[in-house]
C-alpha cells in the first residue's frame, strides 16, 4: 500500500458557533475537528462507513490525550496531519497535529488509542487478517517519520 506519510488531507475553518466567551475556539471543538480528521484518515485506510456496514466492525476511542498549544479564532483555517503509530489485532494508536493552515503554527495535538469493536455485540473484537495487514501497512508507511512531540505524554504538575 502506498499511503501518504504523513497523512494531511483534512482542512476545516473555525466556525462562529465554536467560539467561547473568550473569543477563541472552545476546547470541545478541538475534539470535533480532530474527530473529523480521524474520519478522513480511517476512510482513506479503508475503515470508513462502508467497511463498518459490510464487516460489522468499527473502532471506538478508548483513551485520548489533547494538548492545547495555541489559540485559534473565528474563521482560522485549520489543517490536521495524522499519523498511525501502531496497530495490533485489537487496537490502533494514532496521533494528530492541528495547525493553522496558513502560518503553520501548531494549535493542538491529539493522541488516541482506538479499540476494534464487533458491531454485532458492541464488544472488543479482533480485526480480520486483511484489515490488520492494511492497518500495519499504514503504520509501516509512517514509521520513517520522526516521533511527534507529545507522544505518550501524561497530565501532571511538577512539584
N, C-alpha and C. Protein backbone atom coordinates (compact mmCIF):
# COMPACT_ATOMS: atom_id res chain seq x y z
N UNK A 1 0.85 -1.18 0.00
CA UNK A 1 0.00 0.00 0.00
C UNK A 1 0.90 1.24 0.00
N UNK A 2 0.61 2.15 -0.88
CA UNK A 2 1.35 3.41 -0.96
C UNK A 2 0.53 4.49 -0.25
N UNK A 3 0.78 4.65 1.04
CA UNK A 3 -0.03 5.56 1.86
C UNK A 3 0.75 6.84 2.15
N UNK A 4 0.09 8.01 2.06
CA UNK A 4 0.79 9.27 2.32
C UNK A 4 1.40 9.30 3.72
N UNK A 5 2.64 9.79 3.80
CA UNK A 5 3.33 9.88 5.09
C UNK A 5 3.98 11.25 5.21
N UNK A 6 3.48 12.11 6.06
CA UNK A 6 2.29 11.94 6.89
C UNK A 6 1.01 12.11 6.07
N UNK A 7 -0.10 11.76 6.66
CA UNK A 7 -1.41 11.93 6.03
C UNK A 7 -1.93 13.30 6.44
N UNK A 8 -2.16 14.17 5.48
CA UNK A 8 -2.54 15.55 5.82
C UNK A 8 -3.64 16.09 4.93
N UNK A 9 -4.73 15.37 4.84
CA UNK A 9 -5.81 15.75 3.92
C UNK A 9 -6.99 16.47 4.55
N UNK A 10 -6.99 16.63 5.86
CA UNK A 10 -8.16 17.27 6.48
C UNK A 10 -7.93 18.77 6.66
N UNK A 11 -8.91 19.54 6.18
CA UNK A 11 -8.92 21.01 6.32
C UNK A 11 -10.28 21.44 6.84
N UNK A 12 -10.30 22.47 7.67
CA UNK A 12 -11.55 22.95 8.23
C UNK A 12 -11.33 24.37 8.74
N UNK A 13 -12.40 25.16 8.78
CA UNK A 13 -12.33 26.53 9.32
C UNK A 13 -13.07 26.61 10.64
N UNK A 14 -12.57 27.44 11.54
CA UNK A 14 -13.22 27.65 12.83
C UNK A 14 -14.53 28.40 12.59
N UNK A 15 -15.60 27.82 13.08
CA UNK A 15 -16.94 28.40 12.88
C UNK A 15 -17.31 29.31 14.05
N UNK A 16 -18.14 30.27 13.78
CA UNK A 16 -18.61 31.22 14.80
C UNK A 16 -19.19 30.49 16.01
N UNK A 17 -19.99 29.46 15.76
CA UNK A 17 -20.65 28.76 16.87
C UNK A 17 -19.69 27.94 17.73
N UNK A 18 -18.44 27.81 17.31
CA UNK A 18 -17.44 27.09 18.08
C UNK A 18 -16.71 27.99 19.08
N UNK A 19 -16.97 29.29 19.03
CA UNK A 19 -16.25 30.22 19.90
C UNK A 19 -16.85 30.24 21.29
N UNK A 20 -15.99 30.43 22.28
CA UNK A 20 -16.47 30.57 23.65
C UNK A 20 -16.46 32.04 24.06
N UNK A 21 -16.73 32.30 25.31
CA UNK A 21 -16.80 33.69 25.78
C UNK A 21 -15.45 34.39 25.78
N UNK A 22 -14.36 33.65 25.56
CA UNK A 22 -13.03 34.27 25.44
C UNK A 22 -12.72 34.68 24.00
N UNK A 23 -13.64 34.36 23.08
CA UNK A 23 -13.46 34.76 21.69
C UNK A 23 -12.55 33.84 20.88
N UNK A 24 -12.28 32.66 21.42
CA UNK A 24 -11.49 31.67 20.65
C UNK A 24 -12.22 30.32 20.67
N UNK A 25 -11.69 29.37 19.90
CA UNK A 25 -12.36 28.08 19.79
C UNK A 25 -12.42 27.40 21.15
N UNK A 26 -13.63 26.98 21.54
CA UNK A 26 -13.87 26.27 22.77
C UNK A 26 -13.15 24.91 22.72
N UNK A 27 -12.68 24.45 23.87
CA UNK A 27 -11.90 23.21 23.93
C UNK A 27 -12.64 22.02 23.31
N UNK A 28 -13.94 21.97 23.45
CA UNK A 28 -14.71 20.83 22.92
C UNK A 28 -14.61 20.74 21.40
N UNK A 29 -14.49 21.87 20.74
CA UNK A 29 -14.48 21.85 19.27
C UNK A 29 -13.12 21.44 18.70
N UNK A 30 -12.08 21.49 19.50
CA UNK A 30 -10.81 20.91 19.06
C UNK A 30 -11.05 19.41 18.83
N UNK A 31 -11.78 18.79 19.75
CA UNK A 31 -12.09 17.36 19.61
C UNK A 31 -12.93 17.12 18.35
N UNK A 32 -13.88 18.00 18.07
CA UNK A 32 -14.70 17.86 16.87
C UNK A 32 -13.82 17.88 15.62
N UNK A 33 -12.92 18.84 15.53
CA UNK A 33 -12.03 18.94 14.36
C UNK A 33 -11.16 17.69 14.27
N UNK A 34 -10.59 17.27 15.38
CA UNK A 34 -9.76 16.06 15.37
C UNK A 34 -10.58 14.84 14.97
N UNK A 35 -11.79 14.71 15.48
CA UNK A 35 -12.64 13.57 15.14
C UNK A 35 -12.97 13.56 13.65
N UNK A 36 -13.22 14.73 13.09
CA UNK A 36 -13.45 14.82 11.64
C UNK A 36 -12.21 14.36 10.88
N UNK A 37 -11.03 14.72 11.37
CA UNK A 37 -9.78 14.29 10.72
C UNK A 37 -9.59 12.78 10.83
N UNK A 38 -9.96 12.22 11.98
CA UNK A 38 -9.88 10.76 12.15
C UNK A 38 -10.78 10.07 11.13
N UNK A 39 -11.98 10.60 10.92
CA UNK A 39 -12.89 10.02 9.92
C UNK A 39 -12.25 10.02 8.53
N UNK A 40 -11.57 11.10 8.17
CA UNK A 40 -10.91 11.19 6.86
C UNK A 40 -9.78 10.16 6.77
N UNK A 41 -8.98 10.06 7.83
CA UNK A 41 -7.90 9.07 7.87
C UNK A 41 -8.45 7.66 7.75
N UNK A 42 -9.44 7.32 8.56
CA UNK A 42 -9.99 5.97 8.55
C UNK A 42 -10.61 5.63 7.19
N UNK A 43 -11.29 6.59 6.61
CA UNK A 43 -11.88 6.36 5.27
C UNK A 43 -10.78 6.02 4.27
N UNK A 44 -9.71 6.77 4.29
CA UNK A 44 -8.59 6.52 3.36
C UNK A 44 -7.93 5.17 3.62
N UNK A 45 -7.93 4.74 4.87
CA UNK A 45 -7.34 3.45 5.22
C UNK A 45 -8.26 2.27 4.89
N UNK A 46 -9.50 2.56 4.50
CA UNK A 46 -10.45 1.50 4.22
C UNK A 46 -11.28 1.10 5.42
N UNK A 47 -11.28 1.95 6.46
CA UNK A 47 -12.03 1.67 7.69
C UNK A 47 -13.17 2.66 7.89
N UNK A 48 -13.78 3.10 6.81
CA UNK A 48 -14.86 4.07 6.88
C UNK A 48 -16.22 3.40 7.04
N UNK A 49 -17.24 4.15 6.72
CA UNK A 49 -18.63 3.70 6.90
C UNK A 49 -18.95 2.45 6.08
N UNK A 50 -18.49 2.38 4.84
CA UNK A 50 -18.78 1.20 4.01
C UNK A 50 -18.18 -0.06 4.63
N UNK A 51 -16.96 0.05 5.14
CA UNK A 51 -16.31 -1.09 5.81
C UNK A 51 -17.10 -1.48 7.04
N UNK A 52 -17.49 -0.49 7.84
CA UNK A 52 -18.26 -0.78 9.05
C UNK A 52 -19.54 -1.53 8.71
N UNK A 53 -20.26 -1.05 7.69
CA UNK A 53 -21.51 -1.67 7.32
C UNK A 53 -21.31 -3.09 6.78
N UNK A 54 -20.28 -3.29 5.97
CA UNK A 54 -20.04 -4.60 5.36
C UNK A 54 -19.42 -5.60 6.35
N UNK A 55 -18.45 -5.15 7.12
CA UNK A 55 -17.71 -6.04 8.02
C UNK A 55 -18.32 -6.15 9.41
N UNK A 56 -19.26 -5.24 9.71
CA UNK A 56 -19.83 -5.17 11.05
C UNK A 56 -18.74 -5.00 12.11
N UNK A 57 -17.78 -4.13 11.76
CA UNK A 57 -16.68 -3.79 12.65
C UNK A 57 -16.53 -2.27 12.65
N UNK A 58 -15.94 -1.77 13.72
CA UNK A 58 -15.62 -0.35 13.79
C UNK A 58 -14.50 -0.17 14.79
N UNK A 59 -14.13 1.08 15.01
CA UNK A 59 -13.17 1.43 16.05
C UNK A 59 -13.83 2.41 17.00
N UNK A 60 -13.63 2.19 18.29
CA UNK A 60 -14.09 3.12 19.31
C UNK A 60 -12.86 3.67 20.02
N UNK A 61 -12.84 4.98 20.25
CA UNK A 61 -11.76 5.58 21.04
C UNK A 61 -11.93 5.12 22.48
N UNK A 62 -10.84 4.65 23.08
CA UNK A 62 -10.90 4.21 24.48
C UNK A 62 -9.99 5.06 25.38
N UNK A 63 -9.08 5.80 24.77
CA UNK A 63 -8.25 6.71 25.54
C UNK A 63 -7.74 7.79 24.60
N UNK A 64 -7.69 9.01 25.10
CA UNK A 64 -7.21 10.12 24.28
C UNK A 64 -6.56 11.17 25.16
N UNK A 65 -5.62 11.88 24.56
CA UNK A 65 -4.93 12.96 25.26
C UNK A 65 -4.78 14.13 24.29
N UNK A 66 -5.30 15.28 24.71
CA UNK A 66 -5.20 16.51 23.90
C UNK A 66 -4.25 17.46 24.59
N UNK A 67 -3.42 18.11 23.79
CA UNK A 67 -2.61 19.24 24.27
C UNK A 67 -3.07 20.46 23.50
N UNK A 68 -3.49 21.48 24.22
CA UNK A 68 -3.90 22.75 23.62
C UNK A 68 -2.68 23.65 23.62
N UNK A 69 -2.15 23.94 22.43
CA UNK A 69 -0.87 24.63 22.34
C UNK A 69 -0.95 26.02 21.74
N UNK A 70 -2.06 26.34 21.12
CA UNK A 70 -2.19 27.65 20.52
C UNK A 70 -3.65 28.04 20.38
N UNK A 71 -3.89 29.32 20.45
CA UNK A 71 -5.24 29.85 20.34
C UNK A 71 -5.63 29.95 18.87
N UNK A 72 -6.86 29.55 18.57
CA UNK A 72 -7.39 29.76 17.21
C UNK A 72 -8.71 30.50 17.33
N UNK A 73 -8.90 31.42 16.41
CA UNK A 73 -10.07 32.29 16.45
C UNK A 73 -10.97 32.06 15.24
N UNK A 74 -12.07 32.77 15.22
CA UNK A 74 -13.08 32.64 14.18
C UNK A 74 -12.45 32.71 12.78
N UNK A 75 -12.91 31.80 11.93
CA UNK A 75 -12.51 31.70 10.53
C UNK A 75 -11.07 31.25 10.31
N UNK A 76 -10.35 30.92 11.37
CA UNK A 76 -8.98 30.44 11.19
C UNK A 76 -9.00 29.16 10.37
N UNK A 77 -8.16 29.08 9.34
CA UNK A 77 -8.09 27.84 8.56
C UNK A 77 -7.22 26.82 9.30
N UNK A 78 -7.75 25.62 9.45
CA UNK A 78 -7.04 24.57 10.18
C UNK A 78 -6.67 23.43 9.24
N UNK A 79 -5.51 22.84 9.50
CA UNK A 79 -5.06 21.65 8.77
C UNK A 79 -4.65 20.63 9.82
N UNK A 80 -5.05 19.38 9.63
CA UNK A 80 -4.70 18.33 10.58
C UNK A 80 -3.86 17.28 9.87
N UNK A 81 -2.70 17.01 10.46
CA UNK A 81 -1.79 15.96 9.99
C UNK A 81 -1.99 14.74 10.89
N UNK A 82 -2.13 13.57 10.30
CA UNK A 82 -2.41 12.35 11.06
C UNK A 82 -1.32 11.31 10.82
N UNK A 83 -1.01 10.60 11.89
CA UNK A 83 -0.02 9.53 11.81
C UNK A 83 -0.50 8.30 12.55
N UNK A 84 -0.25 7.16 11.95
CA UNK A 84 -0.52 5.88 12.61
C UNK A 84 0.78 5.45 13.30
N UNK A 85 0.71 5.25 14.60
CA UNK A 85 1.91 4.91 15.37
C UNK A 85 2.03 3.41 15.65
N UNK A 86 0.91 2.71 15.69
CA UNK A 86 0.97 1.29 16.00
C UNK A 86 -0.38 0.63 15.77
N UNK A 87 -0.34 -0.68 15.63
CA UNK A 87 -1.57 -1.46 15.45
C UNK A 87 -1.31 -2.90 15.85
N UNK A 88 -2.33 -3.52 16.38
CA UNK A 88 -2.32 -4.97 16.58
C UNK A 88 -3.74 -5.45 16.27
N UNK A 89 -4.03 -6.69 16.56
CA UNK A 89 -5.31 -7.27 16.17
C UNK A 89 -6.51 -6.58 16.82
N UNK A 90 -6.28 -5.88 17.94
CA UNK A 90 -7.41 -5.29 18.67
C UNK A 90 -7.35 -3.77 18.78
N UNK A 91 -6.20 -3.15 18.51
CA UNK A 91 -6.06 -1.72 18.78
C UNK A 91 -5.29 -1.00 17.67
N UNK A 92 -5.55 0.29 17.57
CA UNK A 92 -4.71 1.15 16.76
C UNK A 92 -4.37 2.39 17.58
N UNK A 93 -3.14 2.86 17.40
CA UNK A 93 -2.61 4.02 18.11
C UNK A 93 -2.34 5.08 17.06
N UNK A 94 -3.02 6.22 17.19
CA UNK A 94 -2.85 7.27 16.18
C UNK A 94 -2.64 8.62 16.86
N UNK A 95 -2.02 9.54 16.10
CA UNK A 95 -1.63 10.85 16.62
C UNK A 95 -1.93 11.89 15.56
N UNK A 96 -2.43 13.05 16.00
CA UNK A 96 -2.86 14.09 15.06
C UNK A 96 -2.33 15.44 15.52
N UNK A 97 -1.91 16.26 14.57
CA UNK A 97 -1.38 17.59 14.84
C UNK A 97 -2.24 18.60 14.10
N UNK A 98 -2.86 19.52 14.85
CA UNK A 98 -3.66 20.58 14.27
C UNK A 98 -2.80 21.83 14.13
N UNK A 99 -2.79 22.38 12.93
CA UNK A 99 -2.03 23.60 12.67
C UNK A 99 -2.93 24.66 12.06
N UNK A 100 -2.50 25.91 12.23
CA UNK A 100 -3.10 26.99 11.46
C UNK A 100 -2.63 26.75 10.03
N UNK A 101 -3.54 26.61 9.09
CA UNK A 101 -3.20 26.20 7.72
C UNK A 101 -2.34 27.22 6.98
N UNK A 102 -2.38 28.48 7.39
CA UNK A 102 -1.58 29.50 6.70
C UNK A 102 -0.24 29.75 7.37
N UNK A 103 -0.21 29.81 8.68
CA UNK A 103 1.04 30.12 9.38
C UNK A 103 1.83 28.88 9.76
N UNK A 104 1.16 27.73 9.83
CA UNK A 104 1.82 26.50 10.25
C UNK A 104 1.95 26.36 11.76
N UNK A 105 1.49 27.34 12.52
CA UNK A 105 1.59 27.28 13.97
C UNK A 105 0.76 26.11 14.51
N UNK A 106 1.35 25.34 15.41
CA UNK A 106 0.63 24.21 16.00
C UNK A 106 -0.38 24.73 17.01
N UNK A 107 -1.63 24.31 16.85
CA UNK A 107 -2.71 24.70 17.75
C UNK A 107 -2.95 23.63 18.81
N UNK A 108 -2.81 22.35 18.43
CA UNK A 108 -3.11 21.28 19.37
C UNK A 108 -2.59 19.95 18.83
N UNK A 109 -2.46 18.99 19.73
CA UNK A 109 -2.18 17.61 19.33
C UNK A 109 -3.20 16.70 20.00
N UNK A 110 -3.42 15.55 19.39
CA UNK A 110 -4.45 14.61 19.85
C UNK A 110 -3.90 13.21 19.67
N UNK A 111 -3.68 12.50 20.77
CA UNK A 111 -3.19 11.14 20.73
C UNK A 111 -4.32 10.21 21.15
N UNK A 112 -4.53 9.13 20.39
CA UNK A 112 -5.70 8.29 20.62
C UNK A 112 -5.33 6.81 20.55
N UNK A 113 -5.91 6.05 21.43
CA UNK A 113 -5.89 4.60 21.34
C UNK A 113 -7.31 4.18 21.02
N UNK A 114 -7.50 3.51 19.89
CA UNK A 114 -8.83 3.06 19.47
C UNK A 114 -8.88 1.55 19.50
N UNK A 115 -10.03 1.04 19.87
CA UNK A 115 -10.25 -0.39 20.03
C UNK A 115 -11.11 -0.91 18.90
N UNK A 116 -10.72 -2.05 18.33
CA UNK A 116 -11.54 -2.72 17.32
C UNK A 116 -12.78 -3.29 18.01
N UNK A 117 -13.93 -3.03 17.41
CA UNK A 117 -15.20 -3.44 18.02
C UNK A 117 -16.02 -4.24 17.01
N UNK A 118 -16.57 -5.36 17.49
CA UNK A 118 -17.52 -6.14 16.71
C UNK A 118 -18.88 -5.47 16.90
N UNK A 119 -19.41 -4.91 15.83
CA UNK A 119 -20.64 -4.12 15.95
C UNK A 119 -21.88 -4.98 16.22
N UNK A 120 -21.80 -6.29 16.01
CA UNK A 120 -22.95 -7.14 16.32
C UNK A 120 -23.10 -7.33 17.82
N UNK A 121 -21.97 -7.29 18.55
CA UNK A 121 -22.01 -7.45 20.00
C UNK A 121 -21.67 -6.16 20.74
N UNK A 122 -21.09 -5.20 20.00
CA UNK A 122 -20.61 -3.93 20.55
C UNK A 122 -19.58 -4.17 21.66
N UNK A 123 -18.78 -5.20 21.45
CA UNK A 123 -17.69 -5.53 22.36
C UNK A 123 -16.39 -5.59 21.57
N UNK A 124 -15.29 -5.51 22.29
CA UNK A 124 -13.98 -5.59 21.65
C UNK A 124 -13.89 -6.89 20.85
N UNK A 125 -13.27 -6.77 19.70
CA UNK A 125 -13.08 -7.93 18.84
C UNK A 125 -11.75 -7.80 18.11
N UNK A 126 -11.39 -8.82 17.40
CA UNK A 126 -10.15 -8.81 16.64
C UNK A 126 -10.43 -8.44 15.19
N UNK A 127 -9.47 -7.76 14.60
CA UNK A 127 -9.58 -7.45 13.17
C UNK A 127 -9.28 -8.69 12.35
N UNK A 128 -10.00 -8.90 11.27
CA UNK A 128 -9.62 -9.96 10.34
C UNK A 128 -8.21 -9.67 9.80
N UNK A 129 -7.51 -10.70 9.38
CA UNK A 129 -6.10 -10.56 8.96
C UNK A 129 -5.91 -9.51 7.88
N UNK A 130 -6.77 -9.46 6.87
CA UNK A 130 -6.62 -8.47 5.80
C UNK A 130 -6.73 -7.05 6.34
N UNK A 131 -7.64 -6.82 7.27
CA UNK A 131 -7.80 -5.50 7.86
C UNK A 131 -6.59 -5.14 8.73
N UNK A 132 -6.10 -6.10 9.50
CA UNK A 132 -4.91 -5.86 10.31
C UNK A 132 -3.72 -5.52 9.42
N UNK A 133 -3.55 -6.28 8.35
CA UNK A 133 -2.41 -6.01 7.44
C UNK A 133 -2.52 -4.62 6.82
N UNK A 134 -3.73 -4.21 6.51
CA UNK A 134 -3.92 -2.87 5.95
C UNK A 134 -3.50 -1.80 6.96
N UNK A 135 -3.90 -1.98 8.22
CA UNK A 135 -3.50 -1.04 9.28
C UNK A 135 -1.99 -1.05 9.47
N UNK A 136 -1.41 -2.23 9.49
CA UNK A 136 0.04 -2.35 9.67
C UNK A 136 0.82 -1.74 8.50
N UNK A 137 0.26 -1.80 7.30
CA UNK A 137 0.89 -1.15 6.14
C UNK A 137 0.98 0.35 6.34
N UNK A 138 -0.07 0.94 6.91
CA UNK A 138 -0.06 2.39 7.16
C UNK A 138 0.94 2.71 8.28
N UNK A 139 0.97 1.89 9.32
CA UNK A 139 1.96 2.08 10.39
C UNK A 139 3.37 2.04 9.79
N UNK A 140 3.62 1.08 8.90
CA UNK A 140 4.94 0.97 8.27
C UNK A 140 5.24 2.19 7.41
N UNK A 141 4.25 2.70 6.69
CA UNK A 141 4.45 3.89 5.87
C UNK A 141 4.80 5.10 6.72
N UNK A 142 4.31 5.14 7.95
CA UNK A 142 4.55 6.28 8.84
C UNK A 142 5.74 6.07 9.77
N UNK A 143 6.31 4.86 9.77
CA UNK A 143 7.39 4.52 10.71
C UNK A 143 8.66 5.36 10.49
N UNK A 144 8.91 5.80 9.27
CA UNK A 144 10.11 6.58 8.99
C UNK A 144 9.99 8.04 9.45
N UNK A 145 8.78 8.47 9.75
CA UNK A 145 8.58 9.85 10.22
C UNK A 145 9.12 9.99 11.64
N UNK A 146 9.58 11.17 12.00
CA UNK A 146 10.01 11.36 13.39
C UNK A 146 8.83 11.22 14.34
N UNK A 147 9.10 10.73 15.54
CA UNK A 147 8.03 10.62 16.54
C UNK A 147 7.59 12.04 16.90
N UNK A 148 6.31 12.33 16.79
CA UNK A 148 5.84 13.68 17.08
C UNK A 148 6.05 14.06 18.55
N UNK A 149 6.32 15.32 18.77
CA UNK A 149 6.43 15.83 20.13
C UNK A 149 5.11 15.63 20.85
N UNK A 150 5.18 15.08 22.02
CA UNK A 150 3.97 14.89 22.83
C UNK A 150 3.48 13.47 22.89
N UNK A 151 4.01 12.56 22.07
CA UNK A 151 3.55 11.17 22.12
C UNK A 151 3.86 10.59 23.50
N UNK A 152 2.84 9.99 24.09
CA UNK A 152 2.99 9.33 25.39
C UNK A 152 2.98 10.27 26.58
N UNK A 153 2.66 11.53 26.35
CA UNK A 153 2.63 12.49 27.46
C UNK A 153 1.48 12.18 28.40
N UNK A 154 1.65 12.59 29.63
CA UNK A 154 0.59 12.45 30.63
C UNK A 154 0.37 13.80 31.29
N UNK A 155 -0.77 13.96 31.90
CA UNK A 155 -1.07 15.19 32.62
C UNK A 155 -0.46 15.10 34.00
N UNK A 156 0.32 16.09 34.38
CA UNK A 156 0.94 16.11 35.70
C UNK A 156 1.39 17.53 36.04
N UNK A 157 1.48 17.80 37.31
CA UNK A 157 2.04 19.07 37.79
C UNK A 157 3.38 18.77 38.42
N UNK A 158 4.39 19.51 38.01
CA UNK A 158 5.71 19.34 38.63
C UNK A 158 5.67 19.91 40.04
N UNK A 159 6.29 19.21 40.95
CA UNK A 159 6.31 19.67 42.36
C UNK A 159 7.67 20.18 42.70
